[in-house]
Amino acid sequence: MNSLNNLLDKIETSKQLDFGDILSRTFELYKKTWTQGLILILVMLLFMAPFFIALYIPMFKTAMEQMESGAYDPSDPNSLIQAQSSSFQYMILGFTFIVGFINTGLVAGFYRIVKRIDFEETFGFKDFFYFFKSKYLSKIFAIAAFSLLVALVNLLVERFLPDTSASLLSAGVSIIFSVYTTLFVMFFAFNPHLESSDFFVLSFKFGSKKWFLIFGLLFVTVIIAILLGIITCFIGLLFTMSIVYLPIYLVYKDFFGFDTISDIDRIGID
């Protein structure tokens, strides 16, 4: 079991990681885990569906009203959001937090499953929900709260800056913090015994050293997943999107390593 100081010491070593090697092994690992990845995406969609429906109903009504009055502009989808009441903006933030909370727990559970598949250990469907236990909920809450903070910053940017500047700045903020938010979940999944503040310290310290490598891996796998999804009429996205999570697992495995124990020795620990 890694301690905070142990993990920080490993970060200071600045161990080199090979982009091409990690990417090629990502595809090999995907062949072993695509079924569980599909289940992850389906479970995510199942939980998120009610929130998206609740968001799109008022926007759909607004679109219908604008069409009837002739004010609808299909080239400006943001007008539908701007036409909503101010409370709608806060509702979006609330849903952002709830979805972030659910997804953090599910992705952490997926990482747990990936590790068990990688080390040929037993696993089950319940491992997706392993971290939805009372002792971990405050940590999931903290990670989701950071995602909410990023969303709030983007909302303020869009409210007080011109459209073009706001869009560019929001995109920049989202891109920069995409690496760190991914690392939050990774450190939590493999070190749930640490404090919430430790995940942020480790993520920012490690992310600052390996930002371009991690972002490059995320970018390439997202593009591959989308292209394969387009080729298969977008249905394939359900099967391919989970590949995005795998390079981060391999980065952690190569850089920090795991303290593995057998299933028999694990009895009474999990």
C-alpha atoms as a PDB file:
ATOM      1  CA  MET A   1       0.000   0.000   0.000  1.00  0.00           C
ATOM      2  CA  ASN A   2       1.622   3.213  -1.192  1.00  0.00           C
ATOM      3  CA  SER A   3       1.901   6.121   1.238  1.00  0.00           C
ATOM      4  CA  LEU A   4       1.739   9.754   0.155  1.00  0.00           C
ATOM      5  CA  ASN A   5       5.470  10.235   0.727  1.00  0.00           C
ATOM      6  CA  ASN A   6       6.263   7.087  -1.225  1.00  0.00           C
ATOM      7  CA  LEU A   7       4.231   8.294  -4.203  1.00  0.00           C
ATOM      8  CA  LEU A   8       5.759  11.773  -4.015  1.00  0.00           C
ATOM      9  CA  ASP A   9       9.248  10.255  -3.928  1.00  0.00           C
ATOM     10  CA  LYS A  10       8.471   8.268  -7.070  1.00  0.00           C
ATOM     11  CA  ILE A  11       7.280  11.421  -8.821  1.00  0.00           C
ATOM     12  CA  GLU A  12      10.594  13.096  -8.009  1.00  0.00           C
ATOM     13  CA  THR A  13      12.468  10.323  -9.824  1.00  0.00           C
ATOM     14  CA  SER A  14      11.074  11.612 -13.133  1.00  0.00           C
ATOM     15  CA  LYS A  15      11.001   8.127 -14.609  1.00  0.00           C
ATOM     16  CA  GLN A  16      10.749   8.218 -18.396  1.00  0.00           C
ATOM     17  CA  LEU A  17       7.668   6.787 -20.085  1.00  0.00           C
ATOM     18  CA  ASP A  18       7.444   5.796 -23.743  1.00  0.00           C
ATOM     19  CA  PHE A  19       4.422   7.239 -25.561  1.00  0.00           C
ATOM     20  CA  GLY A  20       4.432   4.681 -28.375  1.00  0.00           C
ATOM     21  CA  ASP A  21       4.864   1.732 -26.036  1.00  0.00           C
ATOM     22  CA  ILE A  22       1.976   2.824 -23.803  1.00  0.00           C
ATOM     23  CA  LEU A  23      -0.252   3.451 -26.813  1.00  0.00           C
ATOM     24  CA  SER A  24       0.433   0.032 -28.353  1.00  0.00           C
ATOM     25  CA  ARG A  25      -0.163  -1.710 -25.016  1.00  0.00           C
ATOM     26  CA  THR A  26      -3.392   0.258 -24.667  1.00  0.00           C
ATOM     27  CA  PHE A  27      -4.807  -1.582 -27.675  1.00  0.00           C
ATOM     28  CA  GLU A  28      -3.702  -4.928 -26.239  1.00  0.00           C
ATOM     29  CA  LEU A  29      -5.324  -4.135 -22.914  1.00  0.00           C
ATOM     30  CA  TYR A  30      -8.477  -2.958 -24.685  1.00  0.00           C
ATOM     31  CA  LYS A  31      -8.866  -6.407 -26.256  1.00  0.00           C
ATOM     32  CA  LYS A  32      -9.050  -7.857 -22.733  1.00  0.00           C
ATOM     33  CA  THR A  33     -11.298  -5.207 -21.191  1.00  0.00           C
ATOM     34  CA  TRP A  34     -13.658  -3.992 -23.941  1.00  0.00           C
ATOM     35  CA  THR A  35     -16.606  -5.934 -22.522  1.00  0.00           C
ATOM     36  CA  GLN A  36     -16.249  -4.306 -19.121  1.00  0.00           C
ATOM     37  CA  GLY A  37     -15.691  -0.981 -20.865  1.00  0.00           C
ATOM     38  CA  LEU A  38     -18.987  -1.382 -22.708  1.00  0.00           C
ATOM     39  CA  ILE A  39     -20.747  -2.121 -19.427  1.00  0.00           C
ATOM     40  CA  LEU A  40     -19.183   1.012 -17.912  1.00  0.00           C
ATOM     41  CA  ILE A  41     -20.480   3.246 -20.717  1.00  0.00           C
ATOM     42  CA  LEU A  42     -23.958   1.694 -20.593  1.00  0.00           C
ATOM     43  CA  VAL A  43     -24.177   2.102 -16.811  1.00  0.00           C
ATOM     44  CA  MET A  44     -23.035   5.720 -17.133  1.00  0.00           C
ATOM     45  CA  LEU A  45     -25.694   6.412 -19.751  1.00  0.00           C
ATOM     46  CA  LEU A  46     -28.329   4.732 -17.606  1.00  0.00           C
ATOM     47  CA  PHE A  47     -27.554   6.991 -14.650  1.00  0.00           C
ATOM     48  CA  MET A  48     -27.131  10.161 -16.719  1.00  0.00           C
ATOM     49  CA  ALA A  49     -30.245   9.753 -18.882  1.00  0.00           C
ATOM     50  CA  PRO A  50     -32.735  11.246 -16.368  1.00  0.00           C
ATOM     51  CA  PHE A  51     -30.549  14.337 -15.889  1.00  0.00           C
ATOM     52  CA  PHE A  52     -30.118  14.952 -19.607  1.00  0.00           C
ATOM     53  CA  ILE A  53     -33.851  14.539 -20.161  1.00  0.00           C
ATOM     54  CA  ALA A  54     -34.547  17.064 -17.405  1.00  0.00           C
ATOM     55  CA  LEU A  55     -32.147  19.526 -19.051  1.00  0.00           C
ATOM     56  CA  TYR A  56     -33.320  19.111 -22.628  1.00  0.00           C
ATOM     57  CA  ILE A  57     -37.081  19.318 -21.977  1.00  0.00           C
ATOM     58  CA  PRO A  58     -37.038  23.101 -21.283  1.00  0.00           C
ATOM     59  CA  MET A  59     -34.596  23.649 -24.178  1.00  0.00           C
ATOM     60  CA  PHE A  60     -36.860  21.657 -26.491  1.00  0.00           C
ATOM     61  CA  LYS A  61     -39.848  23.751 -25.433  1.00  0.00           C
ATOM     62  CA  THR A  62     -37.878  26.941 -26.090  1.00  0.00           C
ATOM     63  CA  ALA A  63     -36.850  25.671 -29.540  1.00  0.00           C
ATOM     64  CA  MET A  64     -40.494  24.947 -30.398  1.00  0.00           C
ATOM     65  CA  GLU A  65     -41.557  28.422 -29.270  1.00  0.00           C
ATOM     66  CA  GLN A  66     -38.774  30.060 -31.296  1.00  0.00           C
ATOM     67  CA  MET A  67     -39.729  28.056 -34.389  1.00  0.00           C
ATOM     68  CA  GLU A  68     -43.349  29.161 -34.076  1.00  0.00           C
ATOM     69  CA  SER A  69     -42.299  32.794 -33.768  1.00  0.00           C
ATOM     70  CA  GLY A  70     -39.652  32.528 -36.488  1.00  0.00           C
ATOM     71  CA  ALA A  71     -36.845  33.491 -34.087  1.00  0.00           C
ATOM     72  CA  TYR A  72     -35.072  30.128 -34.096  1.00  0.00           C
ATOM     73  CA  ASP A  73     -31.509  30.197 -35.440  1.00  0.00           C
ATOM     74  CA  PRO A  74     -30.104  26.666 -35.981  1.00  0.00           C
ATOM     75  CA  SER A  75     -26.615  28.129 -36.490  1.00  0.00           C
ATOM     76  CA  ASP A  76     -26.598  29.479 -32.916  1.00  0.00           C
ATOM     77  CA  PRO A  77     -27.397  26.606 -30.528  1.00  0.00           C
ATOM     78  CA  ASN A  78     -26.186  28.703 -27.574  1.00  0.00           C
ATOM     79  CA  SER A  79     -29.268  30.886 -27.998  1.00  0.00           C
ATOM     80  CA  LEU A  80     -31.373  28.077 -26.549  1.00  0.00           C
ATOM     81  CA  ILE A  81     -29.325  28.115 -23.353  1.00  0.00           C
ATOM     82  CA  GLN A  82     -29.247  31.911 -23.173  1.00  0.00           C
ATOM     83  CA  ALA A  83     -33.030  31.999 -23.529  1.00  0.00           C
ATOM     84  CA  GLN A  84     -33.457  29.963 -20.359  1.00  0.00           C
ATOM     85  CA  SER A  85     -33.934  31.510 -16.938  1.00  0.00           C
ATOM     86  CA  SER A  86     -30.965  32.108 -14.648  1.00  0.00           C
ATOM     87  CA  SER A  87     -32.114  29.175 -12.509  1.00  0.00           C
ATOM     88  CA  PHE A  88     -31.497  26.908 -15.502  1.00  0.00           C
ATOM     89  CA  GLN A  89     -27.782  27.792 -15.363  1.00  0.00           C
ATOM     90  CA  TYR A  90     -27.649  26.710 -11.719  1.00  0.00           C
ATOM     91  CA  MET A  91     -29.511  23.539 -12.591  1.00  0.00           C
ATOM     92  CA  ILE A  92     -26.784  22.750 -15.145  1.00  0.00           C
ATOM     93  CA  LEU A  93     -24.154  23.218 -12.444  1.00  0.00           C
ATOM     94  CA  GLY A  94     -26.082  20.937 -10.104  1.00  0.00           C
ATOM     95  CA  PHE A  95     -26.363  18.242 -12.744  1.00  0.00           C
ATOM     96  CA  THR A  96     -22.652  18.670 -13.538  1.00  0.00           C
ATOM     97  CA  PHE A  97     -21.838  17.841  -9.932  1.00  0.00           C
ATOM     98  CA  ILE A  98     -24.210  14.863  -9.737  1.00  0.00           C
ATOM     99  CA  VAL A  99     -22.967  13.383 -13.017  1.00  0.00           C
ATOM    100  CA  GLY A 100     -19.354  14.008 -11.950  1.00  0.00           C
ATOM    101  CA  PHE A 101     -20.001  12.273  -8.638  1.00  0.00           C
ATOM    102  CA  ILE A 102     -21.514   9.196 -10.287  1.00  0.00           C
ATOM    103  CA  ASN A 103     -18.918   8.996 -13.036  1.00  0.00           C
ATOM    104  CA  THR A 104     -16.008   9.345 -10.587  1.00  0.00           C
ATOM    105  CA  GLY A 105     -17.179   6.350  -8.587  1.00  0.00           C
ATOM    106  CA  LEU A 106     -17.920   4.255 -11.674  1.00  0.00           C
ATOM    107  CA  VAL A 107     -14.622   5.020 -13.436  1.00  0.00           C
ATOM    108  CA  ALA A 108     -12.679   4.285 -10.240  1.00  0.00           C
ATOM    109  CA  GLY A 109     -14.496   0.955 -10.098  1.00  0.00           C
ATOM    110  CA  PHE A 110     -13.627   0.333 -13.756  1.00  0.00           C
ATOM    111  CA  TYR A 111      -9.940   0.957 -13.004  1.00  0.00           C
ATOM    112  CA  ARG A 112     -10.210  -1.591 -10.204  1.00  0.00           C
ATOM    113  CA  ILE A 113     -11.620  -4.119 -12.678  1.00  0.00           C
ATOM    114  CA  VAL A 114      -8.979  -3.335 -15.306  1.00  0.00           C
ATOM    115  CA  LYS A 115      -6.234  -3.966 -12.771  1.00  0.00           C
ATOM    116  CA  ARG A 116      -7.773  -7.291 -11.803  1.00  0.00           C
ATOM    117  CA  ILE A 117      -8.087  -8.352 -15.427  1.00  0.00           C
ATOM    118  CA  ASP A 118      -4.513  -7.266 -16.088  1.00  0.00           C
ATOM    119  CA  PHE A 119      -3.222  -9.351 -13.170  1.00  0.00           C
ATOM    120  CA  GLU A 120      -5.601 -12.239 -13.918  1.00  0.00           C
ATOM    121  CA  GLU A 121      -7.544 -11.833 -10.688  1.00  0.00           C
ATOM    122  CA  THR A 122     -11.242 -12.458 -10.123  1.00  0.00           C
ATOM    123  CA  PHE A 123     -13.740  -9.632 -10.454  1.00  0.00           C
ATOM    124  CA  GLY A 124     -17.469  -9.111 -10.682  1.00  0.00           C
ATOM    125  CA  PHE A 125     -20.089  -6.586 -11.724  1.00  0.00           C
ATOM    126  CA  LYS A 126     -20.260  -5.297  -8.156  1.00  0.00           C
ATOM    127  CA  ASP A 127     -16.705  -3.956  -8.525  1.00  0.00           C
ATOM    128  CA  PHE A 128     -18.118  -1.101 -10.620  1.00  0.00           C
ATOM    129  CA  PHE A 129     -19.818   0.127  -7.447  1.00  0.00           C
ATOM    130  CA  TYR A 130     -17.020  -0.764  -5.041  1.00  0.00           C
ATOM    131  CA  PHE A 131     -16.241   2.849  -4.171  1.00  0.00           C
ATOM    132  CA  PHE A 132     -19.843   3.831  -3.429  1.00  0.00           C
ATOM    133  CA  LYS A 133     -19.271   3.018   0.216  1.00  0.00           C
ATOM    134  CA  SER A 134     -19.686   5.460   3.076  1.00  0.00           C
ATOM    135  CA  LYS A 135     -15.931   5.652   3.751  1.00  0.00           C
ATOM    136  CA  TYR A 136     -15.221   6.763   0.167  1.00  0.00           C
ATOM    137  CA  LEU A 137     -18.163   9.072  -0.517  1.00  0.00           C
ATOM    138  CA  SER A 138     -16.493  12.206   0.862  1.00  0.00           C
ATOM    139  CA  LYS A 139     -13.513  11.600  -1.442  1.00  0.00           C
ATOM    140  CA  ILE A 140     -15.734  11.162  -4.488  1.00  0.00           C
ATOM    141  CA  PHE A 141     -17.542  14.328  -3.393  1.00  0.00           C
ATOM    142  CA  ALA A 142     -14.256  16.271  -3.311  1.00  0.00           C
ATOM    143  CA  ILE A 143     -13.246  15.133  -6.810  1.00  0.00           C
ATOM    144  CA  ALA A 144     -16.701  15.920  -8.218  1.00  0.00           C
ATOM    145  CA  ALA A 145     -16.592  19.324  -6.520  1.00  0.00           C
ATOM    146  CA  PHE A 146     -13.432  20.184  -8.447  1.00  0.00           C
ATOM    147  CA  SER A 147     -15.183  19.359 -11.724  1.00  0.00           C
ATOM    148  CA  LEU A 148     -18.011  21.613 -10.598  1.00  0.00           C
ATOM    149  CA  LEU A 149     -15.499  24.382  -9.914  1.00  0.00           C
ATOM    150  CA  VAL A 150     -14.138  24.113 -13.464  1.00  0.00           C
ATOM    151  CA  ALA A 151     -17.696  24.262 -14.836  1.00  0.00           C
ATOM    152  CA  LEU A 152     -18.403  27.327 -12.678  1.00  0.00           C
ATOM    153  CA  VAL A 153     -15.291  29.085 -13.991  1.00  0.00           C
ATOM    154  CA  ASN A 154     -16.396  28.392 -17.562  1.00  0.00           C
ATOM    155  CA  LEU A 155     -19.883  29.714 -16.776  1.00  0.00           C
ATOM    156  CA  LEU A 156     -18.474  32.953 -15.367  1.00  0.00           C
ATOM    157  CA  VAL A 157     -16.182  33.303 -18.372  1.00  0.00           C
ATOM    158  CA  GLU A 158     -19.106  32.933 -20.765  1.00  0.00           C
ATOM    159  CA  ARG A 159     -21.156  35.462 -18.822  1.00  0.00           C
ATOM    160  CA  PHE A 160     -18.599  38.258 -18.597  1.00  0.00           C
ATOM    161  CA  LEU A 161     -16.512  37.893 -21.780  1.00  0.00           C
ATOM    162  CA  PRO A 162     -17.380  38.255 -25.477  1.00  0.00           C
ATOM    163  CA  ASP A 163     -18.529  35.046 -27.177  1.00  0.00           C
ATOM    164  CA  THR A 164     -15.304  34.310 -29.073  1.00  0.00           C
ATOM    165  CA  SER A 165     -13.002  35.085 -26.154  1.00  0.00           C
ATOM    166  CA  ALA A 166     -15.212  33.143 -23.770  1.00  0.00           C
ATOM    167  CA  SER A 167     -15.265  30.081 -26.021  1.00  0.00           C
ATOM    168  CA  LEU A 168     -11.484  30.083 -26.429  1.00  0.00           C
ATOM    169  CA  LEU A 169     -10.825  30.568 -22.716  1.00  0.00           C
ATOM    170  CA  SER A 170     -13.384  27.942 -21.717  1.00  0.00           C
ATOM    171  CA  ALA A 171     -11.835  25.474 -24.147  1.00  0.00           C
ATOM    172  CA  GLY A 172      -8.377  26.252 -22.770  1.00  0.00           C
ATOM    173  CA  VAL A 173      -9.478  25.741 -19.168  1.00  0.00           C
ATOM    174  CA  SER A 174     -11.213  22.470 -20.047  1.00  0.00           C
ATOM    175  CA  ILE A 175      -8.178  21.157 -21.950  1.00  0.00           C
ATOM    176  CA  ILE A 176      -5.691  22.080 -19.237  1.00  0.00           C
ATOM    177  CA  PHE A 177      -7.695  20.546 -16.398  1.00  0.00           C
ATOM    178  CA  SER A 178      -8.758  17.453 -18.351  1.00  0.00           C
ATOM    179  CA  VAL A 179      -5.410  15.896 -17.438  1.00  0.00           C
ATOM    180  CA  TYR A 180      -5.667  16.739 -13.748  1.00  0.00           C
ATOM    181  CA  THR A 181      -9.273  15.598 -13.317  1.00  0.00           C
ATOM    182  CA  THR A 182      -8.336  12.296 -14.950  1.00  0.00           C
ATOM    183  CA  LEU A 183      -5.443  11.902 -12.532  1.00  0.00           C
ATOM    184  CA  PHE A 184      -7.675  12.645  -9.537  1.00  0.00           C
ATOM    185  CA  VAL A 185      -9.761   9.578 -10.308  1.00  0.00           C
ATOM    186  CA  MET A 186      -6.710   7.439 -11.050  1.00  0.00           C
ATOM    187  CA  PHE A 187      -4.972   8.226  -7.752  1.00  0.00           C
ATOM    188  CA  PHE A 188      -8.230   7.705  -5.886  1.00  0.00           C
ATOM    189  CA  ALA A 189      -8.892   4.339  -7.545  1.00  0.00           C
ATOM    190  CA  PHE A 190      -5.500   2.909  -6.660  1.00  0.00           C
ATOM    191  CA  ASN A 191      -4.954   4.697  -3.325  1.00  0.00           C
ATOM    192  CA  PRO A 192      -8.391   5.083  -1.715  1.00  0.00           C
ATOM    193  CA  HIS A 193      -6.753   5.045   1.740  1.00  0.00           C
ATOM    194  CA  LEU A 194      -5.254   8.497   1.151  1.00  0.00           C
ATOM    195  CA  GLU A 195      -6.956  11.763   2.063  1.00  0.00           C
ATOM    196  CA  SER A 196      -8.848  13.798  -0.532  1.00  0.00           C
ATOM    197  CA  SER A 197      -6.240  16.562  -0.397  1.00  0.00           C
ATOM    198  CA  ASP A 198      -3.551  13.988  -1.209  1.00  0.00           C
ATOM    199  CA  PHE A 199      -5.189  13.198  -4.557  1.00  0.00           C
ATOM    200  CA  PHE A 200      -4.990  16.842  -5.559  1.00  0.00           C
ATOM    201  CA  VAL A 201      -1.367  17.196  -4.422  1.00  0.00           C
ATOM    202  CA  LEU A 202      -0.308  14.071  -6.293  1.00  0.00           C
ATOM    203  CA  SER A 203      -2.311  14.907  -9.417  1.00  0.00           C
ATOM    204  CA  PHE A 204      -0.988  18.437  -9.790  1.00  0.00           C
ATOM    205  CA  LYS A 205       2.578  17.400  -9.012  1.00  0.00           C
ATOM    206  CA  PHE A 206       2.563  14.389 -11.340  1.00  0.00           C
ATOM    207  CA  GLY A 207       0.428  16.100 -13.958  1.00  0.00           C
ATOM    208  CA  SER A 208       2.801  19.047 -14.150  1.00  0.00           C
ATOM    209  CA  LYS A 209       5.650  16.667 -14.991  1.00  0.00           C
ATOM    210  CA  LYS A 210       3.783  14.445 -17.452  1.00  0.00           C
ATOM    211  CA  TRP A 211       1.064  16.780 -18.756  1.00  0.00           C
ATOM    212  CA  PHE A 212       1.992  16.598 -22.454  1.00  0.00           C
ATOM    213  CA  LEU A 213       2.412  12.816 -22.371  1.00  0.00           C
ATOM    214  CA  ILE A 214      -0.929  12.251 -20.652  1.00  0.00           C
ATOM    215  CA  PHE A 215      -2.785  14.792 -22.761  1.00  0.00           C
ATOM    216  CA  GLY A 216      -1.290  13.291 -25.916  1.00  0.00           C
ATOM    217  CA  LEU A 217      -2.468   9.817 -24.928  1.00  0.00           C
ATOM    218  CA  LEU A 218      -5.944  11.116 -24.076  1.00  0.00           C
ATOM    219  CA  PHE A 219      -6.164  13.084 -27.317  1.00  0.00           C
ATOM    220  CA  VAL A 220      -5.079  10.200 -29.545  1.00  0.00           C
ATOM    221  CA  THR A 221      -7.355   7.638 -27.898  1.00  0.00           C
ATOM    222  CA  VAL A 222     -10.343  10.017 -28.007  1.00  0.00           C
ATOM    223  CA  ILE A 223      -9.772  10.611 -31.732  1.00  0.00           C
ATOM    224  CA  ILE A 224      -9.445   6.869 -32.373  1.00  0.00           C
ATOM    225  CA  ALA A 225     -12.595   6.112 -30.384  1.00  0.00           C
ATOM    226  CA  ILE A 226     -14.563   8.790 -32.262  1.00  0.00           C
ATOM    227  CA  LEU A 227     -13.308   7.710 -35.696  1.00  0.00           C
ATOM    228  CA  LEU A 228     -14.173   4.085 -35.021  1.00  0.00           C
ATOM    229  CA  GLY A 229     -17.553   5.213 -33.737  1.00  0.00           C
ATOM    230  CA  ILE A 230     -18.217   7.204 -36.918  1.00  0.00           C
ATOM    231  CA  ILE A 231     -17.226   4.244 -39.076  1.00  0.00           C
ATOM    232  CA  THR A 232     -19.758   2.093 -37.217  1.00  0.00           C
ATOM    233  CA  CYS A 233     -22.560   4.699 -37.473  1.00  0.00           C
ATOM    234  CA  PHE A 234     -21.821   6.042 -33.964  1.00  0.00           C
ATOM    235  CA  ILE A 235     -23.163   2.910 -32.242  1.00  0.00           C
ATOM    236  CA  GLY A 236     -19.541   1.796 -32.036  1.00  0.00           C
ATOM    237  CA  LEU A 237     -18.832   4.638 -29.598  1.00  0.00           C
ATOM    238  CA  LEU A 238     -20.466   2.515 -26.918  1.00  0.00           C
ATOM    239  CA  PHE A 239     -17.770  -0.094 -27.523  1.00  0.00           C
ATOM    240  CA  THR A 240     -14.783   2.202 -28.084  1.00  0.00           C
ATOM    241  CA  MET A 241     -15.045   5.109 -25.620  1.00  0.00           C
ATOM    242  CA  SER A 242     -13.692   3.105 -22.692  1.00  0.00           C
ATOM    243  CA  ILE A 243     -10.302   2.929 -24.427  1.00  0.00           C
ATOM    244  CA  VAL A 244      -9.745   6.517 -23.276  1.00  0.00           C
ATOM    245  CA  TYR A 245      -9.300   5.327 -19.673  1.00  0.00           C
ATOM    246  CA  LEU A 246      -6.710   2.652 -20.411  1.00  0.00           C
ATOM    247  CA  PRO A 247      -3.558   4.715 -21.164  1.00  0.00           C
ATOM    248  CA  ILE A 248      -3.842   6.376 -17.748  1.00  0.00           C
ATOM    249  CA  TYR A 249      -3.959   2.979 -16.098  1.00  0.00           C
ATOM    250  CA  LEU A 250      -0.758   1.981 -17.916  1.00  0.00           C
ATOM    251  CA  VAL A 251       0.925   5.272 -17.021  1.00  0.00           C
ATOM    252  CA  TYR A 252       0.214   4.590 -13.370  1.00  0.00           C
ATOM    253  CA  LYS A 253       1.292   0.964 -13.639  1.00  0.00           C
ATOM    254  CA  ASP A 254       4.604   1.831 -15.320  1.00  0.00           C
ATOM    255  CA  PHE A 255       5.446   4.824 -13.157  1.00  0.00           C
ATOM    256  CA  PHE A 256       4.197   3.854  -9.694  1.00  0.00           C
ATOM    257  CA  GLY A 257       3.605   0.102  -9.862  1.00  0.00           C
ATOM    258  CA  PHE A 258       1.221  -1.965  -7.760  1.00  0.00           C
ATOM    259  CA  ASP A 259       1.553  -3.888  -4.544  1.00  0.00           C
ATOM    260  CA  THR A 260      -0.298  -7.014  -5.633  1.00  0.00           C
ATOM    261  CA  ILE A 261      -1.619  -9.711  -3.312  1.00  0.00           C
ATOM    262  CA  SER A 262      -3.432 -12.923  -4.106  1.00  0.00           C
ATOM    263  CA  ASP A 263      -7.215 -13.312  -3.949  1.00  0.00           C
ATOM    264  CA  ILE A 264      -6.848 -15.556  -0.895  1.00  0.00           C
ATOM    265  CA  ASP A 265      -4.743 -12.988   0.960  1.00  0.00           C
ATOM    266  CA  ARG A 266      -7.217 -10.269  -0.017  1.00  0.00           C
ATOM    267  CA  ILE A 267     -10.086 -11.938   1.867  1.00  0.00           C
ATOM    268  CA  GLY A 268     -11.081  -9.658   4.729  1.00  0.00           C
ATOM    269  CA  ILE A 269      -9.319  -6.612   3.204  1.00  0.00           C
ATOM    270  CA  ASP A 270     -11.786  -5.565   0.487  1.00  0.00           C
END
